[in-house]
Amino acid sequence: MKIFQIAVNKFYNTNQIQYQKPKTTGINIFATNPIPFDTVSFTASRASGVPLKKLAEYGMPDMYTGKEMMSYESLSNLLKRGVFNLPLNTLIPVLERYSNTLHETEQEVLKLLKSVEKKQPHIRINEAFHKLFPEQQKKLLNIQRPIFQEITKKACDMPRSFYDDYIDLMRYTNKKIAKDLTISHFSEKEFIYRLQQAAKQIKMTKRHTEVTAVNNLIREAKALFSRQIEEKKKFGRGVAAKKLKMEYQMQPAILKQNTQNLQYLRTMFEKSYIKNNKEIQNLFDVTNAKIYGFPAFEPFKRQEFIYDLKNIVKFLKNKKLEAEIIKIARELPTSSDNVSAFIVKHVNDSPEKIGYYLFKGSLASIEHIEPKVPQVNEESVAKASKKKKNKNNIAGKNHINNYGLSSAYINSLRSNTPFDEWIRKNPLAYVSCQKFVDRLIKHYHAGVFEKVGLSKSYITNFVKVVKAKSPKERPIILDLSKLHD
């Protein structure tokens, strides 16, 4: 009881507590020198993808859908100019200029924003989301409810111990969906991940002092929490592990260390160039509550639910039942494919974060024609063992000849699906790849290739690789006649 009272006193008087600096990497959060950074979609290719990244700034269609893509530079400029903080009657005309890059879900979000703007033209985008939230939450629940019911029916066939773990997970999940206060353990990895998510938007503004500050904050957090992240691995994963982690963090020594680490990071944050970032401010508040085991509001996260569910069912002897349960869970709507899920997920976000996610899926990204990480199965392993090595085999490599451009959403959707299999599922690519090549040729004749450092041979190599990797029964044959006009 005494320990808990000390914890309560600390929680409500953090500003009055003076801590010695914990052992850190020695990085100065107050440094103002800019550092190099790369945030969205081009990180896997780095130097080899730079020419295509620059080319995207001149406008390129998605090689699979033919839809125009937004350049990294365009979104960066919108964030830098604070466009998403404008009232709806000023913001919507700006959004409409880029509406042709938006995917279906984001197009629906824009329509809803227009409907709000007609009645309340002077409110901001985050305020509009609060107006839309009640109705969209009901619609989302109507989709989620029967899916959860179907999972529960299947769960009844699990052994009792597995079923009990599942019921615990659903109790916790239902509290999140109902926006009830929940008690959960403090996760160092989650804290760092959420810092990294906030950093993505900060980096896109290209305000170098802010970029430096958030990068240093992340590095310092990794250094401070690295030991505990390793220590918690012994508890494993799943619902039972969360209880053990909660007991671990409430040990006096661990509680004291977490308190010191968080307070040190918060002090650094509050004295840095990003001190007014609402998302990071909220992260510190929620994390403080978690460290002391106090209730906090936690949103339902589809990915987190499926992750926890997998950790329950993966030890089932009945692998068919395991597969069926996970398959049903994957039917839960995502913010990428459902407008209600998008609004519910981002209702408490800042205008900048909402704007960022509105266009994130439309950003041009490097697409590996041959997947960087191929699907692994018996058939693919057998084929790989028979395949002879030769200089033309560029499968999965970060090589310009293996690159195309696709939107971040489509790129993620494809994941590591083999190119020929993806084309069979998406026959629109036959037309879209030609549109992509025609735009390449147009930029080449306009002198853009020379400006961005691309060779004419990129076009011919792209055509060859696409043909070689496309379905054998119906290869993609692209017309290059305009290149020689």
Protein backbone atom coordinates (compact mmCIF):
# COMPACT_ATOMS: atom_id res chain seq x y z
CA MET A 1 0.00 0.00 0.00
CA LYS A 2 2.88 2.32 0.85
CA ILE A 3 4.49 1.73 -2.55
CA PHE A 4 1.21 2.48 -4.32
CA GLN A 5 0.81 5.74 -2.35
CA ILE A 6 4.33 6.80 -3.35
CA ALA A 7 3.43 6.03 -6.96
CA VAL A 8 0.28 8.15 -6.72
CA ASN A 9 2.20 11.07 -5.24
CA LYS A 10 4.76 10.87 -8.01
CA PHE A 11 2.11 10.68 -10.71
CA TYR A 12 0.43 13.89 -9.60
CA ASN A 13 3.61 15.81 -8.79
CA THR A 14 5.98 14.97 -11.64
CA ASN A 15 6.84 18.62 -12.23
CA GLN A 16 8.13 18.95 -8.67
CA ILE A 17 10.44 15.94 -8.86
CA GLN A 18 14.09 16.52 -9.74
CA TYR A 19 15.90 13.58 -11.31
CA GLN A 20 19.50 12.90 -12.08
CA LYS A 21 20.06 12.29 -15.77
CA PRO A 22 19.79 8.50 -16.40
CA LYS A 23 22.59 6.78 -18.23
CA THR A 24 22.14 7.67 -21.90
CA THR A 25 23.94 7.77 -25.20
CA GLY A 26 24.95 11.38 -24.58
CA ILE A 27 22.97 12.72 -27.56
CA ASN A 28 21.88 16.33 -27.10
CA ILE A 29 18.18 16.80 -27.74
CA PHE A 30 18.71 20.54 -27.90
CA ALA A 31 21.06 20.32 -30.89
CA THR A 32 19.91 22.34 -33.87
CA ASN A 33 22.15 21.06 -36.66
CA PRO A 34 20.09 19.35 -39.39
CA ILE A 35 20.61 15.63 -39.96
CA PRO A 36 19.85 13.57 -43.07
CA PHE A 37 16.52 11.80 -43.08
CA ASP A 38 14.23 9.85 -45.37
CA THR A 39 10.75 9.02 -44.18
CA VAL A 40 8.35 7.50 -46.64
CA SER A 41 8.61 4.63 -49.06
CA PHE A 42 12.09 5.14 -50.46
CA THR A 43 14.09 3.93 -47.46
CA ALA A 44 14.54 0.40 -48.79
CA SER A 45 16.29 1.60 -51.92
CA ARG A 46 18.21 4.63 -50.60
CA ALA A 47 20.77 5.90 -53.13
CA SER A 48 19.69 3.64 -55.98
CA GLY A 49 16.12 4.92 -55.75
CA VAL A 50 16.94 8.64 -55.61
CA PRO A 51 16.47 9.28 -59.39
CA LEU A 52 12.98 7.72 -59.31
CA LYS A 53 12.15 9.64 -56.14
CA LYS A 54 13.02 12.86 -57.96
CA LEU A 55 11.10 11.74 -61.04
CA ALA A 56 7.94 11.28 -58.94
CA GLU A 57 8.00 15.02 -58.21
CA TYR A 58 7.20 15.65 -61.90
CA GLY A 59 4.09 13.47 -61.70
CA MET A 60 3.81 9.73 -62.32
CA PRO A 61 0.92 7.25 -62.52
CA ASP A 62 0.82 4.08 -60.43
CA MET A 63 2.20 1.24 -62.57
CA TYR A 64 -0.63 -1.06 -61.41
CA THR A 65 -3.68 1.20 -61.29
CA GLY A 66 -2.79 4.11 -63.58
CA LYS A 67 -3.91 6.50 -60.82
CA GLU A 68 -1.85 9.66 -60.37
CA MET A 69 0.37 9.59 -57.29
CA MET A 70 1.28 12.32 -54.86
CA SER A 71 4.95 13.19 -54.55
CA TYR A 72 6.73 13.25 -51.22
CA GLU A 73 7.62 16.89 -51.90
CA SER A 74 3.98 17.93 -52.40
CA LEU A 75 2.80 16.46 -49.09
CA SER A 76 5.87 17.82 -47.34
CA ASN A 77 5.04 21.33 -48.60
CA LEU A 78 1.41 21.08 -47.43
CA LEU A 79 2.58 20.13 -43.94
CA LYS A 80 5.30 22.76 -43.88
CA ARG A 81 2.85 25.53 -44.83
CA GLY A 82 0.36 24.42 -42.14
CA VAL A 83 -2.37 23.88 -44.75
CA PHE A 84 -4.20 21.22 -42.71
CA ASN A 85 -4.76 23.73 -39.89
CA LEU A 86 -6.88 25.93 -42.16
CA PRO A 87 -10.69 26.09 -41.77
CA LEU A 88 -12.63 23.70 -44.02
CA ASN A 89 -13.82 26.38 -46.46
CA THR A 90 -10.17 27.18 -47.21
CA LEU A 91 -8.75 23.66 -46.83
CA ILE A 92 -11.16 21.73 -49.07
CA PRO A 93 -10.29 23.61 -52.30
CA VAL A 94 -6.65 22.72 -51.63
CA LEU A 95 -7.50 19.07 -51.01
CA GLU A 96 -9.53 18.91 -54.21
CA ARG A 97 -6.45 19.83 -56.24
CA TYR A 98 -4.96 16.52 -55.16
CA SER A 99 -8.19 14.50 -55.07
CA ASN A 100 -7.22 12.52 -58.18
CA THR A 101 -4.40 10.93 -56.15
CA LEU A 102 -6.69 9.74 -53.32
CA HIS A 103 -7.79 6.12 -53.07
CA GLU A 104 -11.42 5.13 -52.58
CA THR A 105 -11.54 5.35 -48.76
CA GLU A 106 -9.85 8.76 -48.67
CA GLN A 107 -12.15 9.97 -51.46
CA GLU A 108 -15.10 9.07 -49.22
CA VAL A 109 -13.52 10.96 -46.32
CA LEU A 110 -13.23 14.04 -48.54
CA LYS A 111 -16.93 13.77 -49.47
CA LEU A 112 -17.88 13.66 -45.78
CA LEU A 113 -15.72 16.69 -45.07
CA LYS A 114 -17.50 18.58 -47.85
CA SER A 115 -20.87 17.73 -46.27
CA VAL A 116 -19.67 19.15 -42.94
CA GLU A 117 -18.21 22.24 -44.63
CA LYS A 118 -21.61 23.18 -46.09
CA LYS A 119 -23.03 23.53 -42.57
CA GLN A 120 -19.95 24.65 -40.65
CA PRO A 121 -17.42 26.15 -43.06
CA HIS A 122 -15.14 27.67 -40.43
CA ILE A 123 -14.29 24.60 -38.34
CA ARG A 124 -11.03 22.66 -38.79
CA ILE A 125 -10.59 19.11 -40.06
CA ASN A 126 -10.13 17.56 -36.59
CA GLU A 127 -13.30 19.28 -35.39
CA ALA A 128 -15.13 17.93 -38.44
CA PHE A 129 -13.97 14.42 -37.50
CA HIS A 130 -15.55 14.87 -34.06
CA LYS A 131 -18.81 15.85 -35.77
CA LEU A 132 -18.68 12.73 -37.98
CA PHE A 133 -17.52 10.35 -35.25
CA PRO A 134 -20.84 9.26 -33.57
CA GLU A 135 -22.48 8.10 -36.79
CA GLN A 136 -19.31 6.53 -38.19
CA GLN A 137 -18.64 4.69 -34.93
CA LYS A 138 -22.10 3.10 -35.13
CA LYS A 139 -21.49 2.04 -38.72
CA LEU A 140 -18.14 0.53 -37.80
CA LEU A 141 -19.62 -1.38 -34.86
CA ASN A 142 -22.30 -2.82 -37.15
CA ILE A 143 -19.52 -4.27 -39.31
CA GLN A 144 -17.29 -5.41 -36.44
CA ARG A 145 -19.97 -7.03 -34.26
CA PRO A 146 -20.89 -10.01 -36.49
CA ILE A 147 -17.18 -10.68 -37.15
CA PHE A 148 -16.42 -10.82 -33.42
CA GLN A 149 -19.45 -13.08 -32.96
CA GLU A 150 -18.18 -15.43 -35.66
CA ILE A 151 -14.73 -15.57 -34.03
CA THR A 152 -16.34 -16.35 -30.65
CA LYS A 153 -18.38 -19.21 -32.16
CA LYS A 154 -15.17 -20.74 -33.49
CA ALA A 155 -13.41 -20.13 -30.16
CA CYS A 156 -15.97 -22.38 -28.44
CA ASP A 157 -14.25 -25.34 -30.13
CA MET A 158 -10.92 -24.55 -28.44
CA PRO A 159 -9.72 -26.30 -25.25
CA ARG A 160 -10.81 -24.57 -22.05
CA SER A 161 -7.48 -22.89 -21.26
CA PHE A 162 -7.32 -21.36 -24.76
CA TYR A 163 -10.96 -20.30 -24.55
CA ASP A 164 -10.37 -18.55 -21.20
CA ASP A 165 -7.47 -16.58 -22.70
CA TYR A 166 -9.69 -15.61 -25.62
CA ILE A 167 -12.47 -14.39 -23.30
CA ASP A 168 -9.93 -12.27 -21.39
CA LEU A 169 -8.82 -10.75 -24.70
CA MET A 170 -12.42 -9.99 -25.70
CA ARG A 171 -13.17 -8.32 -22.35
CA TYR A 172 -10.17 -6.07 -22.84
CA THR A 173 -11.13 -5.47 -26.50
CA ASN A 174 -14.73 -4.58 -25.67
CA LYS A 175 -13.56 -1.97 -23.16
CA LYS A 176 -11.43 -0.36 -25.85
CA ILE A 177 -14.28 -0.34 -28.37
CA ALA A 178 -16.64 1.14 -25.76
CA LYS A 179 -14.03 3.83 -24.95
CA ASP A 180 -13.86 2.66 -21.33
CA LEU A 181 -10.81 3.23 -19.16
CA THR A 182 -8.47 0.26 -19.33
CA ILE A 183 -5.39 -0.74 -17.36
CA SER A 184 -2.50 -2.05 -19.45
CA HIS A 185 1.20 -2.56 -18.88
CA PHE A 186 3.75 -0.03 -20.04
CA SER A 187 5.38 -1.15 -23.29
CA GLU A 188 8.75 0.41 -24.05
CA LYS A 189 8.55 -0.81 -27.65
CA GLU A 190 5.11 0.75 -28.12
CA PHE A 191 6.32 4.06 -26.68
CA ILE A 192 9.25 4.15 -29.12
CA TYR A 193 7.01 3.08 -32.02
CA ARG A 194 4.55 5.90 -31.32
CA LEU A 195 7.42 8.38 -31.14
CA GLN A 196 8.55 7.14 -34.54
CA GLN A 197 5.03 7.57 -35.97
CA ALA A 198 4.93 11.17 -34.72
CA ALA A 199 8.40 11.69 -36.19
CA LYS A 200 7.21 10.81 -39.70
CA GLN A 201 4.99 13.89 -39.89
CA ILE A 202 7.61 16.12 -38.27
CA LYS A 203 10.20 14.98 -40.80
CA MET A 204 7.96 15.74 -43.73
CA THR A 205 7.79 19.40 -42.72
CA LYS A 206 11.56 19.60 -43.32
CA ARG A 207 11.99 21.93 -40.34
CA HIS A 208 15.49 20.74 -39.56
CA THR A 209 15.61 21.83 -35.92
CA GLU A 210 12.41 19.85 -35.22
CA VAL A 211 13.65 16.86 -37.19
CA THR A 212 16.89 16.83 -35.20
CA ALA A 213 14.98 17.09 -31.91
CA VAL A 214 12.60 14.20 -32.58
CA ASN A 215 15.36 11.93 -33.92
CA ASN A 216 17.48 12.56 -30.84
CA LEU A 217 14.47 11.95 -28.58
CA ILE A 218 13.90 8.56 -30.24
CA ARG A 219 17.56 7.59 -29.93
CA GLU A 220 17.61 8.59 -26.26
CA ALA A 221 14.43 6.55 -25.58
CA LYS A 222 15.94 3.48 -27.26
CA ALA A 223 19.07 3.79 -25.13
CA LEU A 224 17.14 4.26 -21.87
CA PHE A 225 14.68 1.40 -22.39
CA SER A 226 16.88 -1.14 -24.19
CA ARG A 227 17.62 -3.21 -21.06
CA GLN A 228 13.97 -3.55 -20.07
CA ILE A 229 12.94 -4.45 -23.62
CA GLU A 230 15.40 -7.37 -23.47
CA GLU A 231 14.28 -8.30 -19.94
CA LYS A 232 10.60 -8.49 -20.93
CA LYS A 233 11.29 -10.95 -23.76
CA LYS A 234 11.43 -13.76 -21.19
CA PHE A 235 7.73 -13.26 -20.42
CA GLY A 236 6.73 -14.22 -23.98
CA ARG A 237 3.60 -12.90 -25.65
CA GLY A 238 -0.15 -13.06 -25.26
CA VAL A 239 -2.72 -12.23 -22.60
CA ALA A 240 -0.99 -14.15 -19.78
CA ALA A 241 2.32 -12.46 -20.57
CA LYS A 242 0.72 -9.02 -20.21
CA LYS A 243 -0.20 -9.83 -16.61
CA LEU A 244 3.39 -10.87 -15.86
CA LYS A 245 4.70 -7.69 -17.46
CA MET A 246 2.37 -5.60 -15.29
CA GLU A 247 3.68 -7.33 -12.15
CA TYR A 248 7.25 -6.78 -13.35
CA GLN A 249 6.82 -3.05 -13.94
CA MET A 250 5.25 -2.51 -10.50
CA GLN A 251 8.39 -3.76 -8.73
CA PRO A 252 9.81 -0.76 -6.78
CA ALA A 253 13.15 -0.69 -8.62
CA ILE A 254 11.54 -0.95 -12.08
CA LEU A 255 8.83 1.60 -11.20
CA LYS A 256 11.50 4.05 -10.04
CA GLN A 257 13.63 3.50 -13.16
CA ASN A 258 10.68 3.95 -15.54
CA THR A 259 9.67 7.12 -13.72
CA GLN A 260 13.17 8.56 -14.00
CA ASN A 261 13.52 7.63 -17.66
CA LEU A 262 10.16 9.07 -18.68
CA GLN A 263 10.65 12.27 -16.70
CA TYR A 264 14.08 12.78 -18.23
CA LEU A 265 12.67 12.29 -21.74
CA ARG A 266 9.76 14.59 -21.00
CA THR A 267 12.09 17.34 -19.75
CA MET A 268 14.12 17.03 -22.94
CA PHE A 269 10.94 17.21 -24.99
CA GLU A 270 9.60 20.26 -23.15
CA LYS A 271 12.85 22.17 -23.73
CA SER A 272 13.12 21.22 -27.40
CA TYR A 273 11.80 22.69 -30.65
CA ILE A 274 8.94 20.15 -30.72
CA LYS A 275 7.55 21.01 -27.26
CA ASN A 276 4.18 22.10 -28.74
CA ASN A 277 3.56 18.81 -30.56
CA LYS A 278 0.18 17.67 -29.18
CA GLU A 279 0.61 14.05 -30.22
CA ILE A 280 3.85 13.64 -28.27
CA GLN A 281 2.41 15.56 -25.30
CA ASN A 282 -0.50 13.10 -25.20
CA LEU A 283 1.90 10.16 -25.54
CA PHE A 284 3.76 11.26 -22.40
CA ASP A 285 0.48 11.69 -20.47
CA VAL A 286 -0.84 8.24 -21.42
CA THR A 287 2.54 6.59 -20.80
CA ASN A 288 2.77 8.17 -17.36
CA ALA A 289 -0.57 6.57 -16.45
CA LYS A 290 0.52 3.18 -17.78
CA ILE A 291 3.77 3.21 -15.81
CA TYR A 292 1.85 3.56 -12.52
CA GLY A 293 -0.85 1.08 -13.51
CA PHE A 294 -3.55 3.74 -13.68
CA PRO A 295 -6.52 3.45 -16.07
CA ALA A 296 -6.20 5.22 -19.40
CA PHE A 297 -8.20 5.44 -22.64
CA GLU A 298 -6.81 3.11 -25.28
CA PRO A 299 -8.27 2.87 -28.79
CA PHE A 300 -9.07 -0.47 -30.38
CA LYS A 301 -6.40 -1.44 -32.88
CA ARG A 302 -7.20 -4.15 -35.40
CA GLN A 303 -3.56 -5.12 -35.92
CA GLU A 304 -2.94 -5.39 -32.18
CA PHE A 305 -6.08 -7.53 -31.72
CA ILE A 306 -5.02 -9.96 -34.47
CA TYR A 307 -1.51 -10.09 -33.00
CA ASP A 308 -2.86 -11.01 -29.54
CA LEU A 309 -5.30 -13.51 -31.06
CA LYS A 310 -2.47 -15.20 -32.98
CA ASN A 311 -0.52 -15.61 -29.74
CA ILE A 312 -3.49 -17.45 -28.23
CA VAL A 313 -4.31 -19.82 -31.10
CA LYS A 314 -0.81 -20.57 -32.41
CA PHE A 315 -0.38 -23.41 -29.88
CA LEU A 316 -3.61 -25.14 -30.90
CA LYS A 317 -3.13 -28.70 -32.13
CA ASN A 318 -6.08 -28.13 -34.48
CA LYS A 319 -4.28 -26.03 -37.12
CA LYS A 320 -7.40 -25.88 -39.28
CA LEU A 321 -9.29 -24.16 -36.45
CA GLU A 322 -6.35 -21.79 -35.92
CA ALA A 323 -6.38 -20.80 -39.60
CA GLU A 324 -10.16 -20.34 -39.65
CA ILE A 325 -10.11 -18.03 -36.60
CA ILE A 326 -7.35 -15.81 -38.00
CA LYS A 327 -9.02 -15.71 -41.41
CA ILE A 328 -12.26 -14.41 -39.84
CA ALA A 329 -10.32 -11.85 -37.75
CA ARG A 330 -8.69 -10.47 -40.90
CA GLU A 331 -12.17 -9.52 -42.15
CA LEU A 332 -12.26 -6.73 -39.56
CA PRO A 333 -12.24 -3.44 -41.49
CA THR A 334 -9.09 -1.33 -41.67
CA SER A 335 -8.67 2.42 -41.94
CA SER A 336 -7.31 1.83 -45.46
CA ASP A 337 -10.42 0.14 -46.81
CA ASN A 338 -13.26 1.53 -44.68
CA VAL A 339 -14.20 5.20 -44.25
CA SER A 340 -15.80 4.63 -40.83
CA ALA A 341 -12.64 2.91 -39.55
CA PHE A 342 -10.56 5.81 -40.87
CA ILE A 343 -12.59 8.42 -38.99
CA VAL A 344 -12.81 6.41 -35.76
CA LYS A 345 -9.04 5.78 -35.82
CA HIS A 346 -8.08 9.42 -36.39
CA VAL A 347 -10.85 11.24 -34.49
CA ASN A 348 -8.49 12.41 -31.73
CA ASP A 349 -5.57 13.23 -34.00
CA SER A 350 -4.21 16.68 -34.80
CA PRO A 351 -5.10 18.37 -38.13
CA GLU A 352 -1.55 17.69 -39.37
CA LYS A 353 -1.76 13.98 -38.56
CA ILE A 354 -5.18 13.62 -40.21
CA GLY A 355 -3.86 15.37 -43.31
CA TYR A 356 -0.78 13.18 -43.36
CA TYR A 357 -2.80 9.95 -43.23
CA LEU A 358 -5.29 11.26 -45.75
CA PHE A 359 -2.51 11.33 -48.38
CA LYS A 360 -0.05 8.79 -47.01
CA GLY A 361 -1.43 5.94 -49.13
CA SER A 362 -1.23 8.09 -52.27
CA LEU A 363 2.49 8.79 -51.96
CA ALA A 364 4.69 7.51 -54.77
CA SER A 365 6.95 4.71 -53.53
CA ILE A 366 9.63 2.45 -54.93
CA GLU A 367 8.09 -0.82 -56.08
CA HIS A 368 10.26 -3.93 -56.36
CA ILE A 369 9.04 -5.77 -59.47
CA GLU A 370 10.56 -8.95 -58.10
CA PRO A 371 9.69 -8.80 -54.36
CA LYS A 372 12.52 -7.82 -52.07
CA VAL A 373 11.44 -10.61 -49.71
CA PRO A 374 9.90 -13.41 -51.81
CA GLN A 375 7.12 -15.62 -50.49
CA VAL A 376 8.57 -18.79 -49.00
CA ASN A 377 6.94 -22.11 -49.79
CA GLU A 378 8.06 -25.52 -51.01
CA GLU A 379 7.44 -24.67 -54.64
CA SER A 380 9.43 -21.42 -54.53
CA VAL A 381 12.34 -23.15 -52.76
CA ALA A 382 12.39 -25.88 -55.42
CA LYS A 383 12.38 -23.31 -58.22
CA ALA A 384 15.16 -21.32 -56.57
CA SER A 385 17.38 -24.40 -56.31
CA LYS A 386 16.96 -25.16 -60.01
CA LYS A 387 17.48 -21.57 -61.17
CA LYS A 388 20.95 -20.91 -62.54
CA LYS A 389 22.75 -17.83 -61.36
CA ASN A 390 23.40 -15.25 -64.05
CA LYS A 391 24.09 -11.54 -64.33
CA ASN A 392 20.50 -10.80 -65.39
CA ASN A 393 19.03 -12.31 -62.23
CA ILE A 394 18.11 -9.22 -60.20
CA ALA A 395 15.32 -10.85 -58.19
CA GLY A 396 14.52 -8.86 -55.12
CA LYS A 397 17.61 -6.68 -55.27
CA ASN A 398 17.75 -2.96 -54.60
CA HIS A 399 18.69 -2.34 -58.22
CA ILE A 400 17.29 0.33 -60.55
CA ASN A 401 16.37 -2.36 -63.10
CA ASN A 402 14.08 -3.98 -60.53
CA TYR A 403 12.23 -0.75 -59.69
CA GLY A 404 8.93 0.72 -60.72
CA LEU A 405 6.71 3.25 -58.94
CA SER A 406 3.49 2.47 -57.11
CA SER A 407 1.46 4.25 -54.45
CA ALA A 408 2.29 3.38 -50.84
CA TYR A 409 -1.18 1.83 -50.41
CA ILE A 410 -0.93 -0.48 -53.43
CA ASN A 411 2.69 -1.29 -52.61
CA SER A 412 1.66 -2.38 -49.12
CA LEU A 413 -1.34 -4.29 -50.49
CA ARG A 414 0.85 -6.28 -52.84
CA SER A 415 3.47 -6.94 -50.13
CA ASN A 416 5.62 -9.88 -51.27
CA THR A 417 3.13 -11.40 -53.71
CA PRO A 418 5.03 -12.68 -56.78
CA PHE A 419 4.72 -10.28 -59.72
CA ASP A 420 3.02 -12.76 -62.07
CA GLU A 421 0.48 -13.74 -59.41
CA TRP A 422 -0.25 -10.07 -58.64
CA ILE A 423 -0.84 -9.31 -62.34
CA ARG A 424 -3.28 -12.21 -62.67
CA LYS A 425 -5.30 -10.74 -59.79
CA ASN A 426 -5.03 -7.19 -61.17
CA PRO A 427 -5.41 -7.28 -64.98
CA LEU A 428 -5.74 -3.47 -65.06
CA ALA A 429 -1.93 -3.50 -64.82
CA TYR A 430 -1.70 -4.41 -68.52
CA VAL A 431 -3.05 -0.95 -69.37
CA SER A 432 -1.48 0.85 -66.40
CA CYS A 433 2.06 -0.35 -67.11
CA GLN A 434 1.75 1.09 -70.61
CA LYS A 435 0.51 4.37 -69.14
CA PHE A 436 3.51 4.31 -66.81
CA VAL A 437 5.92 3.75 -69.71
CA ASP A 438 4.26 6.49 -71.81
CA ARG A 439 4.79 8.96 -68.96
CA LEU A 440 8.42 7.86 -68.64
CA ILE A 441 8.92 8.51 -72.34
CA LYS A 442 7.21 11.91 -72.07
CA HIS A 443 9.54 12.92 -69.23
CA TYR A 444 12.56 11.64 -71.16
CA HIS A 445 11.74 13.76 -74.22
CA ALA A 446 11.10 16.77 -71.96
CA GLY A 447 14.62 16.50 -70.52
CA VAL A 448 13.46 15.43 -67.05
CA PHE A 449 15.58 12.26 -67.07
CA GLU A 450 18.74 14.33 -67.39
CA LYS A 451 17.66 16.57 -64.50
CA VAL A 452 16.98 13.68 -62.12
CA GLY A 453 19.92 11.50 -63.19
CA LEU A 454 18.01 8.71 -64.98
CA SER A 455 19.31 6.95 -68.06
CA LYS A 456 17.22 6.27 -71.16
CA SER A 457 18.06 2.59 -70.65
CA TYR A 458 15.86 2.54 -67.53
CA ILE A 459 12.79 2.59 -69.79
CA THR A 460 13.94 -0.30 -71.99
CA ASN A 461 15.10 -2.32 -68.98
CA PHE A 462 11.76 -1.75 -67.22
CA VAL A 463 9.93 -3.10 -70.28
CA LYS A 464 12.16 -6.20 -70.40
CA VAL A 465 11.88 -7.01 -66.70
CA VAL A 466 8.11 -6.55 -66.62
CA LYS A 467 7.73 -8.89 -69.60
CA ALA A 468 10.06 -11.49 -68.08
CA LYS A 469 8.33 -11.49 -64.67
CA SER A 470 4.70 -11.26 -65.88
CA PRO A 471 2.47 -14.33 -66.41
CA LYS A 472 3.95 -16.74 -68.94
CA GLU A 473 0.57 -17.45 -70.46
CA ARG A 474 -0.04 -13.74 -71.06
CA PRO A 475 3.08 -11.60 -70.70
CA ILE A 476 2.90 -7.82 -70.48
CA ILE A 477 4.24 -6.51 -73.79
CA LEU A 478 4.76 -2.74 -73.72
CA ASP A 479 4.95 -0.41 -76.71
CA LEU A 480 8.15 1.67 -76.96
CA SER A 481 7.47 3.28 -80.36
CA LYS A 482 7.04 6.76 -78.82
CA LEU A 483 10.54 6.53 -77.41
CA HIS A 484 12.00 6.59 -80.93
CA ASP A 485 9.71 9.28 -82.37
